[in-house]
C-alpha cells in the first residue's frame, strides 16, 4: 500500500475514533419546561432528559429567576434508565424569566454543561 494511502487510512481511522468519543457525551435532548418556552403555571419540578445515562452524584442544576435571584430546589433524582434528571422546585416561582444552568457527568465519565431559559407567564 502506498505511503499516502496509509496516511489517509490512519487519518480516517483517527477521525472516526474521535467522533465516537464526542458522541459519548451526555447531551441535553429535551427539558420540561422546554427551552425558550412560556408556561402558564409555575413548574413544581424540572425534568432534563439527556442522550445517555448520568451519574447523579456529579450532575445537577442551578435555577435563577428575575433579578438573578437563586431558586431553591430539592434533591435531584434520576428516571428513565438514568437519562432524565428530575429536580423538584421548592420555591414558588413568580412570573418572570428563569435561567437553568445544568452540569452533567455521563456514566462513562464525560462532563457536559449548558443553560437555557423559560418564562412563567403572569
C-alpha atoms as a PDB file:
ATOM      1  CA  UNK A   1       0.000   0.000   0.000  1.00  0.00           C
ATOM      2  CA  UNK A   2       1.489   3.389  -0.974  1.00  0.00           C
ATOM      3  CA  UNK A   3       2.504   5.743   1.844  1.00  0.00           C
ATOM      4  CA  UNK A   4      -0.196   8.330   1.008  1.00  0.00           C
ATOM      5  CA  UNK A   5      -2.935   5.710   1.256  1.00  0.00           C
ATOM      6  CA  UNK A   6      -1.597   4.571   4.633  1.00  0.00           C
ATOM      7  CA  UNK A   7      -1.675   8.165   5.898  1.00  0.00           C
ATOM      8  CA  UNK A   8      -5.219   8.736   4.604  1.00  0.00           C
ATOM      9  CA  UNK A   9      -6.389   5.479   6.169  1.00  0.00           C
ATOM     10  CA  UNK A  10      -4.804   6.413   9.510  1.00  0.00           C
ATOM     11  CA  UNK A  11      -6.378   9.889   9.399  1.00  0.00           C
ATOM     12  CA  UNK A  12      -9.798   8.408   8.639  1.00  0.00           C
ATOM     13  CA  UNK A  13      -9.471   5.895  11.480  1.00  0.00           C
ATOM     14  CA  UNK A  14      -8.498   8.635  13.947  1.00  0.00           C
ATOM     15  CA  UNK A  15     -11.395  10.821  12.800  1.00  0.00           C
ATOM     16  CA  UNK A  16     -13.859   8.002  13.358  1.00  0.00           C
ATOM     17  CA  UNK A  17     -12.373   7.208  16.778  1.00  0.00           C
ATOM     18  CA  UNK A  18     -12.601  10.813  17.943  1.00  0.00           C
ATOM     19  CA  UNK A  19     -16.110  11.241  16.520  1.00  0.00           C
ATOM     20  CA  UNK A  20     -17.226   8.228  18.548  1.00  0.00           C
ATOM     21  CA  UNK A  21     -15.809   9.787  21.700  1.00  0.00           C
ATOM     22  CA  UNK A  22     -17.542  13.111  21.026  1.00  0.00           C
ATOM     23  CA  UNK A  23     -20.867  11.349  20.629  1.00  0.00           C
ATOM     24  CA  UNK A  24     -20.388   9.632  24.010  1.00  0.00           C
ATOM     25  CA  UNK A  25     -21.119  12.836  25.932  1.00  0.00           C
ATOM     26  CA  UNK A  26     -24.493  13.272  27.630  1.00  0.00           C
ATOM     27  CA  UNK A  27     -26.191  15.971  25.561  1.00  0.00           C
ATOM     28  CA  UNK A  28     -29.420  17.644  26.700  1.00  0.00           C
ATOM     29  CA  UNK A  29     -32.167  16.295  24.419  1.00  0.00           C
ATOM     30  CA  UNK A  30     -35.208  17.940  25.991  1.00  0.00           C
ATOM     31  CA  UNK A  31     -36.409  19.753  29.076  1.00  0.00           C
ATOM     32  CA  UNK A  32     -39.714  20.386  30.859  1.00  0.00           C
ATOM     33  CA  UNK A  33     -40.381  23.298  30.867  1.00  0.00           C
ATOM     34  CA  UNK A  34     -38.872  23.481  27.404  1.00  0.00           C
ATOM     35  CA  UNK A  35     -36.111  25.883  26.445  1.00  0.00           C
ATOM     36  CA  UNK A  36     -37.407  29.331  25.445  1.00  0.00           C
ATOM     37  CA  UNK A  37     -40.980  28.361  26.356  1.00  0.00           C
ATOM     38  CA  UNK A  38     -43.598  30.298  28.307  1.00  0.00           C
ATOM     39  CA  UNK A  39     -45.628  28.335  30.832  1.00  0.00           C
ATOM     40  CA  UNK A  40     -48.891  29.450  32.422  1.00  0.00           C
ATOM     41  CA  UNK A  41     -48.356  27.570  35.690  1.00  0.00           C
ATOM     42  CA  UNK A  42     -45.098  27.587  37.627  1.00  0.00           C
ATOM     43  CA  UNK A  43     -43.485  24.136  37.482  1.00  0.00           C
ATOM     44  CA  UNK A  44     -43.068  22.092  40.648  1.00  0.00           C
ATOM     45  CA  UNK A  45     -40.156  20.204  39.093  1.00  0.00           C
ATOM     46  CA  UNK A  46     -37.752  20.370  36.173  1.00  0.00           C
ATOM     47  CA  UNK A  47     -37.108  17.303  34.029  1.00  0.00           C
ATOM     48  CA  UNK A  48     -33.975  17.355  31.880  1.00  0.00           C
ATOM     49  CA  UNK A  49     -33.570  14.411  29.513  1.00  0.00           C
ATOM     50  CA  UNK A  50     -30.103  13.562  28.219  1.00  0.00           C
ATOM     51  CA  UNK A  51     -28.805  11.401  25.380  1.00  0.00           C
ATOM     52  CA  UNK A  52     -27.378   8.854  27.830  1.00  0.00           C
ATOM     53  CA  UNK A  53     -27.367   7.872  31.491  1.00  0.00           C
ATOM     54  CA  UNK A  54     -25.975  10.209  34.145  1.00  0.00           C
ATOM     55  CA  UNK A  55     -24.013   9.907  37.351  1.00  0.00           C
ATOM     56  CA  UNK A  56     -26.342  11.615  39.852  1.00  0.00           C
ATOM     57  CA  UNK A  57     -23.586  12.465  42.333  1.00  0.00           C
ATOM     58  CA  UNK A  58     -21.930  14.771  39.788  1.00  0.00           C
ATOM     59  CA  UNK A  59     -24.958  16.109  37.890  1.00  0.00           C
ATOM     60  CA  UNK A  60     -27.312  18.931  38.825  1.00  0.00           C
ATOM     61  CA  UNK A  61     -28.864  22.282  38.072  1.00  0.00           C
ATOM     62  CA  UNK A  62     -28.974  25.824  39.382  1.00  0.00           C
ATOM     63  CA  UNK A  63     -32.033  27.995  38.714  1.00  0.00           C
ATOM     64  CA  UNK A  64     -32.019  31.775  38.844  1.00  0.00           C
ATOM     65  CA  UNK A  65     -35.055  33.968  38.447  1.00  0.00           C
ATOM     66  CA  UNK A  66     -35.841  37.613  37.851  1.00  0.00           C
ATOM     67  CA  UNK A  67     -33.060  39.787  39.240  1.00  0.00           C
ATOM     68  CA  UNK A  68     -30.705  36.760  39.198  1.00  0.00           C
ATOM     69  CA  UNK A  69     -32.303  35.541  42.441  1.00  0.00           C
ATOM     70  CA  UNK A  70     -31.411  31.918  43.264  1.00  0.00           C
ATOM     71  CA  UNK A  71     -34.334  29.479  43.315  1.00  0.00           C
ATOM     72  CA  UNK A  72     -34.350  26.750  45.971  1.00  0.00           C
ATOM     73  CA  UNK A  73     -34.559  23.192  44.709  1.00  0.00           C
ATOM     74  CA  UNK A  74     -34.983  19.808  46.338  1.00  0.00           C
ATOM     75  CA  UNK A  75     -32.895  16.689  46.000  1.00  0.00           C
ATOM     76  CA  UNK A  76     -32.430  15.581  42.401  1.00  0.00           C
ATOM     77  CA  UNK A  77     -33.171  12.052  41.219  1.00  0.00           C
ATOM     78  CA  UNK A  78     -32.784  10.040  38.028  1.00  0.00           C
ATOM     79  CA  UNK A  79     -35.553   8.469  35.935  1.00  0.00           C
ATOM     80  CA  UNK A  80     -35.843   6.744  32.541  1.00  0.00           C
ATOM     81  CA  UNK A  81     -32.779   4.491  32.725  1.00  0.00           C
ATOM     82  CA  UNK A  82     -30.837   7.290  34.482  1.00  0.00           C
ATOM     83  CA  UNK A  83     -31.148   9.576  31.422  1.00  0.00           C
ATOM     84  CA  UNK A  84     -33.656  12.060  32.940  1.00  0.00           C
ATOM     85  CA  UNK A  85     -32.599  14.324  35.773  1.00  0.00           C
ATOM     86  CA  UNK A  86     -35.645  15.313  37.848  1.00  0.00           C
ATOM     87  CA  UNK A  87     -35.202  18.265  40.207  1.00  0.00           C
ATOM     88  CA  UNK A  88     -38.061  19.424  42.470  1.00  0.00           C
ATOM     89  CA  UNK A  89     -38.571  23.189  42.704  1.00  0.00           C
ATOM     90  CA  UNK A  90     -39.247  24.047  46.357  1.00  0.00           C
ATOM     91  CA  UNK A  91     -39.631  27.821  45.911  1.00  0.00           C
ATOM     92  CA  UNK A  92     -42.826  29.247  44.441  1.00  0.00           C
ATOM     93  CA  UNK A  93     -41.908  30.740  41.072  1.00  0.00           C
ATOM     94  CA  UNK A  94     -43.300  34.207  40.479  1.00  0.00           C
ATOM     95  CA  UNK A  95     -43.988  35.394  36.932  1.00  0.00           C
ATOM     96  CA  UNK A  96     -40.790  36.198  35.055  1.00  0.00           C
ATOM     97  CA  UNK A  97     -37.865  34.722  33.168  1.00  0.00           C
ATOM     98  CA  UNK A  98     -35.849  31.883  34.712  1.00  0.00           C
ATOM     99  CA  UNK A  99     -32.456  30.501  33.699  1.00  0.00           C
ATOM    100  CA  UNK A 100     -31.473  26.890  34.261  1.00  0.00           C
ATOM    101  CA  UNK A 101     -27.748  26.147  34.363  1.00  0.00           C
ATOM    102  CA  UNK A 102     -27.042  22.422  34.247  1.00  0.00           C
ATOM    103  CA  UNK A 103     -23.988  20.224  34.532  1.00  0.00           C
ATOM    104  CA  UNK A 104     -23.892  16.511  33.865  1.00  0.00           C
ATOM    105  CA  UNK A 105     -21.469  13.641  34.160  1.00  0.00           C
ATOM    106  CA  UNK A 106     -22.384  10.722  31.931  1.00  0.00           C
ATOM    107  CA  UNK A 107     -21.978   7.203  33.255  1.00  0.00           C
ATOM    108  CA  UNK A 108     -18.936   6.780  31.002  1.00  0.00           C
ATOM    109  CA  UNK A 109     -17.208   9.763  32.659  1.00  0.00           C
ATOM    110  CA  UNK A 110     -17.712  12.632  30.187  1.00  0.00           C
ATOM    111  CA  UNK A 111     -18.701  16.057  31.562  1.00  0.00           C
ATOM    112  CA  UNK A 112     -21.037  18.472  29.801  1.00  0.00           C
ATOM    113  CA  UNK A 113     -22.839  21.643  30.810  1.00  0.00           C
ATOM    114  CA  UNK A 114     -25.139  24.268  29.428  1.00  0.00           C
ATOM    115  CA  UNK A 115     -28.042  26.553  30.141  1.00  0.00           C
ATOM    116  CA  UNK A 116     -31.462  27.509  28.867  1.00  0.00           C
ATOM    117  CA  UNK A 117     -34.321  29.820  29.880  1.00  0.00           C
ATOM    118  CA  UNK A 118     -38.077  29.624  30.262  1.00  0.00           C
ATOM    119  CA  UNK A 119     -40.687  32.154  31.323  1.00  0.00           C
ATOM    120  CA  UNK A 120     -43.544  31.873  33.819  1.00  0.00           C
ATOM    121  CA  UNK A 121     -46.436  33.953  32.477  1.00  0.00           C
ATOM    122  CA  UNK A 122     -48.219  36.425  34.754  1.00  0.00           C
END
